[in-house]
């Protein structure tokens, strides 16, 4: 999944927001939904505003089960 980093205050962890479009089952209109994931960032490379790709992994803590696989773009 691809998302944007919204927080990097934790050590080796970044909060990534993933936006997606979902079709309403009755009205067939598209709705924007977002999910926040805590992702593991071993070297503390990512910063707020960076676009990253995350992949699911084994549970690393109580709430963290995603890893940052690559940084797509850095915030200028």
PDB file of N, CA and C in Angstrom:
ATOM      1  N   UNK A   1       0.844  -1.178   0.000  1.00  0.00           N
ATOM      2  CA  UNK A   1       0.000   0.000   0.000  1.00  0.00           C
ATOM      3  C   UNK A   1       0.888   1.239   0.000  1.00  0.00           C
ATOM      4  N   UNK A   2       0.376   2.278  -0.588  1.00  0.00           N
ATOM      5  CA  UNK A   2       1.115   3.535  -0.688  1.00  0.00           C
ATOM      6  C   UNK A   2       0.401   4.581   0.153  1.00  0.00           C
ATOM      7  N   UNK A   3       1.178   5.319   0.961  1.00  0.00           N
ATOM      8  CA  UNK A   3       0.591   6.345   1.804  1.00  0.00           C
ATOM      9  C   UNK A   3       1.570   7.457   2.104  1.00  0.00           C
ATOM     10  N   UNK A   4       1.115   8.407   2.912  1.00  0.00           N
ATOM     11  CA  UNK A   4       1.908   9.583   3.274  1.00  0.00           C
ATOM     12  C   UNK A   4       2.187   9.540   4.768  1.00  0.00           C
ATOM     13  N   UNK A   5       3.430   9.848   5.141  1.00  0.00           N
ATOM     14  CA  UNK A   5       3.826   9.858   6.549  1.00  0.00           C
ATOM     15  C   UNK A   5       3.252  11.108   7.207  1.00  0.00           C
ATOM     16  N   UNK A   6       2.528  10.926   8.324  1.00  0.00           N
ATOM     17  CA  UNK A   6       1.958  12.057   9.048  1.00  0.00           C
ATOM     18  C   UNK A   6       2.615  12.276  10.399  1.00  0.00           C
ATOM     19  N   UNK A   7       3.380  11.291  10.875  1.00  0.00           N
ATOM     20  CA  UNK A   7       4.079  11.452  12.145  1.00  0.00           C
ATOM     21  C   UNK A   7       5.333  10.593  12.133  1.00  0.00           C
ATOM     22  N   UNK A   8       6.443  11.176  12.628  1.00  0.00           N
ATOM     23  CA  UNK A   8       7.694  10.420  12.757  1.00  0.00           C
ATOM     24  C   UNK A   8       8.319  10.642  14.121  1.00  0.00           C
ATOM     25  N   UNK A   9       7.495  10.935  15.123  1.00  0.00           N
ATOM     26  CA  UNK A   9       8.001  11.287  16.448  1.00  0.00           C
ATOM     27  C   UNK A   9       8.474  10.079  17.249  1.00  0.00           C
ATOM     28  N   UNK A  10       7.958   8.908  16.950  1.00  0.00           N
ATOM     29  CA  UNK A  10       8.361   7.717  17.681  1.00  0.00           C
ATOM     30  C   UNK A  10       9.683   7.187  17.143  1.00  0.00           C
ATOM     31  N   UNK A  11      10.406   6.453  17.985  1.00  0.00           N
ATOM     32  CA  UNK A  11      11.682   5.875  17.568  1.00  0.00           C
ATOM     33  C   UNK A  11      11.415   4.640  16.715  1.00  0.00           C
ATOM     34  N   UNK A  12      11.965   4.618  15.502  1.00  0.00           N
ATOM     35  CA  UNK A  12      11.860   3.506  14.555  1.00  0.00           C
ATOM     36  C   UNK A  12      10.426   3.205  14.132  1.00  0.00           C
ATOM     37  N   UNK A  13       9.529   4.195  14.252  1.00  0.00           N
ATOM     38  CA  UNK A  13       8.135   4.005  13.862  1.00  0.00           C
ATOM     39  C   UNK A  13       7.633   5.266  13.176  1.00  0.00           C
ATOM     40  N   UNK A  14       6.847   5.077  12.125  1.00  0.00           N
ATOM     41  CA  UNK A  14       6.203   6.192  11.436  1.00  0.00           C
ATOM     42  C   UNK A  14       4.724   5.868  11.282  1.00  0.00           C
ATOM     43  N   UNK A  15       3.889   6.891  11.368  1.00  0.00           N
ATOM     44  CA  UNK A  15       2.456   6.721  11.155  1.00  0.00           C
ATOM     45  C   UNK A  15       2.172   7.106   9.706  1.00  0.00           C
ATOM     46  N   UNK A  16       1.570   6.164   8.963  1.00  0.00           N
ATOM     47  CA  UNK A  16       1.315   6.351   7.534  1.00  0.00           C
ATOM     48  C   UNK A  16      -0.187   6.354   7.300  1.00  0.00           C
ATOM     49  N   UNK A  17      -0.675   7.371   6.570  1.00  0.00           N
ATOM     50  CA  UNK A  17      -2.091   7.451   6.208  1.00  0.00           C
ATOM     51  C   UNK A  17      -2.256   6.965   4.777  1.00  0.00           C
ATOM     52  N   UNK A  18      -3.167   6.005   4.593  1.00  0.00           N
ATOM     53  CA  UNK A  18      -3.461   5.458   3.270  1.00  0.00           C
ATOM     54  C   UNK A  18      -4.880   5.879   2.899  1.00  0.00           C
ATOM     55  N   UNK A  19      -5.013   6.641   1.817  1.00  0.00           N
ATOM     56  CA  UNK A  19      -6.319   7.075   1.318  1.00  0.00           C
ATOM     57  C   UNK A  19      -6.773   6.121   0.226  1.00  0.00           C
ATOM     58  N   UNK A  20      -8.092   5.839   0.217  1.00  0.00           N
ATOM     59  CA  UNK A  20      -8.630   4.962  -0.812  1.00  0.00           C
ATOM     60  C   UNK A  20     -10.057   5.376  -1.130  1.00  0.00           C
ATOM     61  N   UNK A  21     -10.525   4.969  -2.300  1.00  0.00           N
ATOM     62  CA  UNK A  21     -11.903   5.219  -2.709  1.00  0.00           C
ATOM     63  C   UNK A  21     -12.696   3.923  -2.611  1.00  0.00           C
ATOM     64  N   UNK A  22     -13.869   4.007  -1.976  1.00  0.00           N
ATOM     65  CA  UNK A  22     -14.726   2.833  -1.793  1.00  0.00           C
ATOM     66  C   UNK A  22     -16.113   3.185  -2.327  1.00  0.00           C
ATOM     67  N   UNK A  23     -16.681   2.275  -3.074  1.00  0.00           N
ATOM     68  CA  UNK A  23     -18.012   2.512  -3.620  1.00  0.00           C
ATOM     69  C   UNK A  23     -19.078   2.139  -2.589  1.00  0.00           C
ATOM     70  N   UNK A  24     -20.045   3.035  -2.402  1.00  0.00           N
ATOM     71  CA  UNK A  24     -21.132   2.779  -1.465  1.00  0.00           C
ATOM     72  C   UNK A  24     -21.989   1.634  -2.005  1.00  0.00           C
ATOM     73  N   UNK A  25     -22.353   0.666  -1.151  1.00  0.00           N
ATOM     74  CA  UNK A  25     -23.056  -0.514  -1.660  1.00  0.00           C
ATOM     75  C   UNK A  25     -24.455  -0.225  -2.218  1.00  0.00           C
ATOM     76  N   UNK A  26     -25.164   0.776  -1.707  1.00  0.00           N
ATOM     77  CA  UNK A  26     -26.519   1.059  -2.166  1.00  0.00           C
ATOM     78  C   UNK A  26     -26.538   2.179  -3.201  1.00  0.00           C
ATOM     79  N   UNK A  27     -25.858   3.291  -2.883  1.00  0.00           N
ATOM     80  CA  UNK A  27     -25.956   4.484  -3.730  1.00  0.00           C
ATOM     81  C   UNK A  27     -24.910   4.542  -4.838  1.00  0.00           C
ATOM     82  N   UNK A  28     -23.958   3.648  -4.815  1.00  0.00           N
ATOM     83  CA  UNK A  28     -22.931   3.519  -5.861  1.00  0.00           C
ATOM     84  C   UNK A  28     -22.058   4.772  -6.017  1.00  0.00           C
ATOM     85  N   UNK A  29     -22.068   5.630  -5.025  1.00  0.00           N
ATOM     86  CA  UNK A  29     -21.221   6.815  -5.057  1.00  0.00           C
ATOM     87  C   UNK A  29     -19.891   6.473  -4.387  1.00  0.00           C
ATOM     88  N   UNK A  30     -18.804   7.067  -4.879  1.00  0.00           N
ATOM     89  CA  UNK A  30     -17.488   6.781  -4.313  1.00  0.00           C
ATOM     90  C   UNK A  30     -17.224   7.655  -3.104  1.00  0.00           C
ATOM     91  N   UNK A  31     -16.730   7.041  -2.036  1.00  0.00           N
ATOM     92  CA  UNK A  31     -16.456   7.714  -0.770  1.00  0.00           C
ATOM     93  C   UNK A  31     -14.962   7.606  -0.485  1.00  0.00           C
ATOM     94  N   UNK A  32     -14.373   8.700  -0.018  1.00  0.00           N
ATOM     95  CA  UNK A  32     -12.964   8.675   0.370  1.00  0.00           C
ATOM     96  C   UNK A  32     -12.850   8.142   1.787  1.00  0.00           C
ATOM     97  N   UNK A  33     -12.022   7.118   1.960  1.00  0.00           N
ATOM     98  CA  UNK A  33     -11.751   6.564   3.284  1.00  0.00           C
ATOM     99  C   UNK A  33     -10.262   6.621   3.521  1.00  0.00           C
ATOM    100  N   UNK A  34      -9.869   6.717   4.788  1.00  0.00           N
ATOM    101  CA  UNK A  34      -8.445   6.725   5.113  1.00  0.00           C
ATOM    102  C   UNK A  34      -8.194   5.817   6.299  1.00  0.00           C
ATOM    103  N   UNK A  35      -7.019   5.231   6.314  1.00  0.00           N
ATOM    104  CA  UNK A  35      -6.609   4.356   7.399  1.00  0.00           C
ATOM    105  C   UNK A  35      -5.223   4.773   7.844  1.00  0.00           C
ATOM    106  N   UNK A  36      -4.988   4.707   9.152  1.00  0.00           N
ATOM    107  CA  UNK A  36      -3.672   5.028   9.696  1.00  0.00           C
ATOM    108  C   UNK A  36      -2.991   3.728  10.109  1.00  0.00           C
ATOM    109  N   UNK A  37      -1.750   3.582   9.698  1.00  0.00           N
ATOM    110  CA  UNK A  37      -0.969   2.404  10.050  1.00  0.00           C
ATOM    111  C   UNK A  37       0.335   2.843  10.688  1.00  0.00           C
ATOM    112  N   UNK A  38       0.755   2.126  11.720  1.00  0.00           N
ATOM    113  CA  UNK A  38       2.081   2.344  12.290  1.00  0.00           C
ATOM    114  C   UNK A  38       3.036   1.400  11.573  1.00  0.00           C
ATOM    115  N   UNK A  39       4.087   1.966  10.983  1.00  0.00           N
ATOM    116  CA  UNK A  39       5.014   1.184  10.178  1.00  0.00           C
ATOM    117  C   UNK A  39       6.415   1.264  10.763  1.00  0.00           C
ATOM    118  N   UNK A  40       7.138   0.168  10.666  1.00  0.00           N
ATOM    119  CA  UNK A  40       8.497   0.088  11.202  1.00  0.00           C
ATOM    120  C   UNK A  40       9.477   0.761  10.246  1.00  0.00           C
ATOM    121  N   UNK A  41      10.293   1.656  10.806  1.00  0.00           N
ATOM    122  CA  UNK A  41      11.309   2.393  10.038  1.00  0.00           C
ATOM    123  C   UNK A  41      12.629   2.216  10.775  1.00  0.00           C
ATOM    124  N   UNK A  42      13.378   1.192  10.416  1.00  0.00           N
ATOM    125  CA  UNK A  42      14.570   0.788  11.161  1.00  0.00           C
ATOM    126  C   UNK A  42      15.608   1.894  11.293  1.00  0.00           C
ATOM    127  N   UNK A  43      15.837   2.663  10.235  1.00  0.00           N
ATOM    128  CA  UNK A  43      16.921   3.652  10.256  1.00  0.00           C
ATOM    129  C   UNK A  43      16.421   5.076  10.461  1.00  0.00           C
ATOM    130  N   UNK A  44      15.152   5.272  10.804  1.00  0.00           N
ATOM    131  CA  UNK A  44      14.564   6.601  11.003  1.00  0.00           C
ATOM    132  C   UNK A  44      14.824   7.530   9.820  1.00  0.00           C
ATOM    133  N   UNK A  45      14.623   7.022   8.606  1.00  0.00           N
ATOM    134  CA  UNK A  45      14.885   7.800   7.391  1.00  0.00           C
ATOM    135  C   UNK A  45      13.728   8.703   6.998  1.00  0.00           C
ATOM    136  N   UNK A  46      12.510   8.261   7.208  1.00  0.00           N
ATOM    137  CA  UNK A  46      11.361   8.989   6.683  1.00  0.00           C
ATOM    138  C   UNK A  46      11.041  10.220   7.525  1.00  0.00           C
ATOM    139  N   UNK A  47      10.465  11.216   6.857  1.00  0.00           N
ATOM    140  CA  UNK A  47      10.050  12.459   7.500  1.00  0.00           C
ATOM    141  C   UNK A  47       8.590  12.731   7.158  1.00  0.00           C
ATOM    142  N   UNK A  48       7.977  13.654   7.860  1.00  0.00           N
ATOM    143  CA  UNK A  48       6.579  14.001   7.627  1.00  0.00           C
ATOM    144  C   UNK A  48       6.419  14.512   6.195  1.00  0.00           C
ATOM    145  N   UNK A  49       5.425  13.995   5.487  1.00  0.00           N
ATOM    146  CA  UNK A  49       5.154  14.407   4.113  1.00  0.00           C
ATOM    147  C   UNK A  49       5.717  13.473   3.065  1.00  0.00           C
ATOM    148  N   UNK A  50       6.601  12.538   3.454  1.00  0.00           N
ATOM    149  CA  UNK A  50       7.168  11.593   2.500  1.00  0.00           C
ATOM    150  C   UNK A  50       6.102  10.605   2.047  1.00  0.00           C
ATOM    151  N   UNK A  51       6.159  10.218   0.782  1.00  0.00           N
ATOM    152  CA  UNK A  51       5.286   9.182   0.249  1.00  0.00           C
ATOM    153  C   UNK A  51       6.048   7.862   0.309  1.00  0.00           C
ATOM    154  N   UNK A  52       5.460   6.861   0.967  1.00  0.00           N
ATOM    155  CA  UNK A  52       6.151   5.592   1.184  1.00  0.00           C
ATOM    156  C   UNK A  52       5.247   4.430   0.782  1.00  0.00           C
ATOM    157  N   UNK A  53       5.886   3.281   0.569  1.00  0.00           N
ATOM    158  CA  UNK A  53       5.171   2.039   0.327  1.00  0.00           C
ATOM    159  C   UNK A  53       5.362   1.164   1.552  1.00  0.00           C
ATOM    160  N   UNK A  54       4.260   0.604   2.073  1.00  0.00           N
ATOM    161  CA  UNK A  54       4.348  -0.257   3.248  1.00  0.00           C
ATOM    162  C   UNK A  54       3.866  -1.660   2.889  1.00  0.00           C
ATOM    163  N   UNK A  55       4.453  -2.648   3.564  1.00  0.00           N
ATOM    164  CA  UNK A  55       4.049  -4.039   3.374  1.00  0.00           C
ATOM    165  C   UNK A  55       3.761  -4.646   4.734  1.00  0.00           C
ATOM    166  N   UNK A  56       2.857  -5.593   4.751  1.00  0.00           N
ATOM    167  CA  UNK A  56       2.488  -6.230   6.006  1.00  0.00           C
ATOM    168  C   UNK A  56       3.561  -7.230   6.412  1.00  0.00           C
ATOM    169  N   UNK A  57       3.809  -7.327   7.721  1.00  0.00           N
ATOM    170  CA  UNK A  57       4.813  -8.249   8.236  1.00  0.00           C
ATOM    171  C   UNK A  57       4.284  -8.889   9.518  1.00  0.00           C
ATOM    172  N   UNK A  58       5.144  -9.622  10.166  1.00  0.00           N
ATOM    173  CA  UNK A  58       4.751 -10.229  11.441  1.00  0.00           C
ATOM    174  C   UNK A  58       4.523  -9.124  12.468  1.00  0.00           C
ATOM    175  N   UNK A  59       3.781  -9.383  13.537  1.00  0.00           N
ATOM    176  CA  UNK A  59       3.577  -8.345  14.550  1.00  0.00           C
ATOM    177  C   UNK A  59       4.901  -7.950  15.206  1.00  0.00           C
ATOM    178  N   UNK A  60       5.206  -6.651  15.155  1.00  0.00           N
ATOM    179  CA  UNK A  60       6.436  -6.138  15.749  1.00  0.00           C
ATOM    180  C   UNK A  60       6.180  -5.556  17.130  1.00  0.00           C
ATOM    181  N   UNK A  61       4.946  -5.161  17.408  1.00  0.00           N
ATOM    182  CA  UNK A  61       4.530  -4.699  18.728  1.00  0.00           C
ATOM    183  C   UNK A  61       3.013  -4.855  18.796  1.00  0.00           C
ATOM    184  N   UNK A  62       2.409  -4.271  19.816  1.00  0.00           N
ATOM    185  CA  UNK A  62       0.958  -4.406  19.982  1.00  0.00           C
ATOM    186  C   UNK A  62       0.181  -3.817  18.807  1.00  0.00           C
ATOM    187  N   UNK A  63       0.643  -2.678  18.287  1.00  0.00           N
ATOM    188  CA  UNK A  63      -0.096  -2.001  17.219  1.00  0.00           C
ATOM    189  C   UNK A  63       0.667  -1.922  15.904  1.00  0.00           C
ATOM    190  N   UNK A  64       1.879  -2.449  15.857  1.00  0.00           N
ATOM    191  CA  UNK A  64       2.714  -2.276  14.661  1.00  0.00           C
ATOM    192  C   UNK A  64       2.920  -3.614  13.964  1.00  0.00           C
ATOM    193  N   UNK A  65       2.351  -3.734  12.751  1.00  0.00           N
ATOM    194  CA  UNK A  65       2.544  -4.951  11.959  1.00  0.00           C
ATOM    195  C   UNK A  65       2.791  -4.636  10.492  1.00  0.00           C
ATOM    196  N   UNK A  66       3.337  -3.452  10.216  1.00  0.00           N
ATOM    197  CA  UNK A  66       3.683  -3.026   8.866  1.00  0.00           C
ATOM    198  C   UNK A  66       5.127  -2.576   8.847  1.00  0.00           C
ATOM    199  N   UNK A  67       5.776  -2.717   7.688  1.00  0.00           N
ATOM    200  CA  UNK A  67       7.146  -2.247   7.492  1.00  0.00           C
ATOM    201  C   UNK A  67       7.184  -1.325   6.290  1.00  0.00           C
ATOM    202  N   UNK A  68       8.064  -0.327   6.342  1.00  0.00           N
ATOM    203  CA  UNK A  68       8.257   0.546   5.189  1.00  0.00           C
ATOM    204  C   UNK A  68       9.198  -0.169   4.233  1.00  0.00           C
ATOM    205  N   UNK A  69       8.687  -0.469   3.028  1.00  0.00           N
ATOM    206  CA  UNK A  69       9.518  -1.205   2.069  1.00  0.00           C
ATOM    207  C   UNK A  69      10.372  -0.276   1.234  1.00  0.00           C
ATOM    208  N   UNK A  70       9.819   0.907   0.853  1.00  0.00           N
ATOM    209  CA  UNK A  70      10.622   1.865   0.089  1.00  0.00           C
ATOM    210  C   UNK A  70      10.012   3.249   0.203  1.00  0.00           C
ATOM    211  N   UNK A  71      10.886   4.244   0.010  1.00  0.00           N
ATOM    212  CA  UNK A  71      10.457   5.635   0.002  1.00  0.00           C
ATOM    213  C   UNK A  71      10.251   6.036  -1.456  1.00  0.00           C
ATOM    214  N   UNK A  72       9.031   6.426  -1.801  1.00  0.00           N
ATOM    215  CA  UNK A  72       8.729   6.775  -3.186  1.00  0.00           C
ATOM    216  C   UNK A  72       9.184   8.190  -3.482  1.00  0.00           C
ATOM    217  N   UNK A  73       8.868   9.140  -2.610  1.00  0.00           N
ATOM    218  CA  UNK A  73       9.313  10.518  -2.815  1.00  0.00           C
ATOM    219  C   UNK A  73       9.487  11.208  -1.471  1.00  0.00           C
ATOM    220  N   UNK A  74      10.462  12.096  -1.402  1.00  0.00           N
ATOM    221  CA  UNK A  74      10.709  12.893  -0.207  1.00  0.00           C
ATOM    222  C   UNK A  74       9.976  14.216  -0.315  1.00  0.00           C
ATOM    223  N   UNK A  75       9.554  14.729   0.824  1.00  0.00           N
ATOM    224  CA  UNK A  75       8.941  16.056   0.866  1.00  0.00           C
ATOM    225  C   UNK A  75      10.036  17.102   0.682  1.00  0.00           C
ATOM    226  N   UNK A  76       9.809  18.070  -0.152  1.00  0.00           N
ATOM    227  CA  UNK A  76      10.831  19.078  -0.456  1.00  0.00           C
ATOM    228  C   UNK A  76      11.017  20.049   0.685  1.00  0.00           C
TER     229      UNK A  76
END
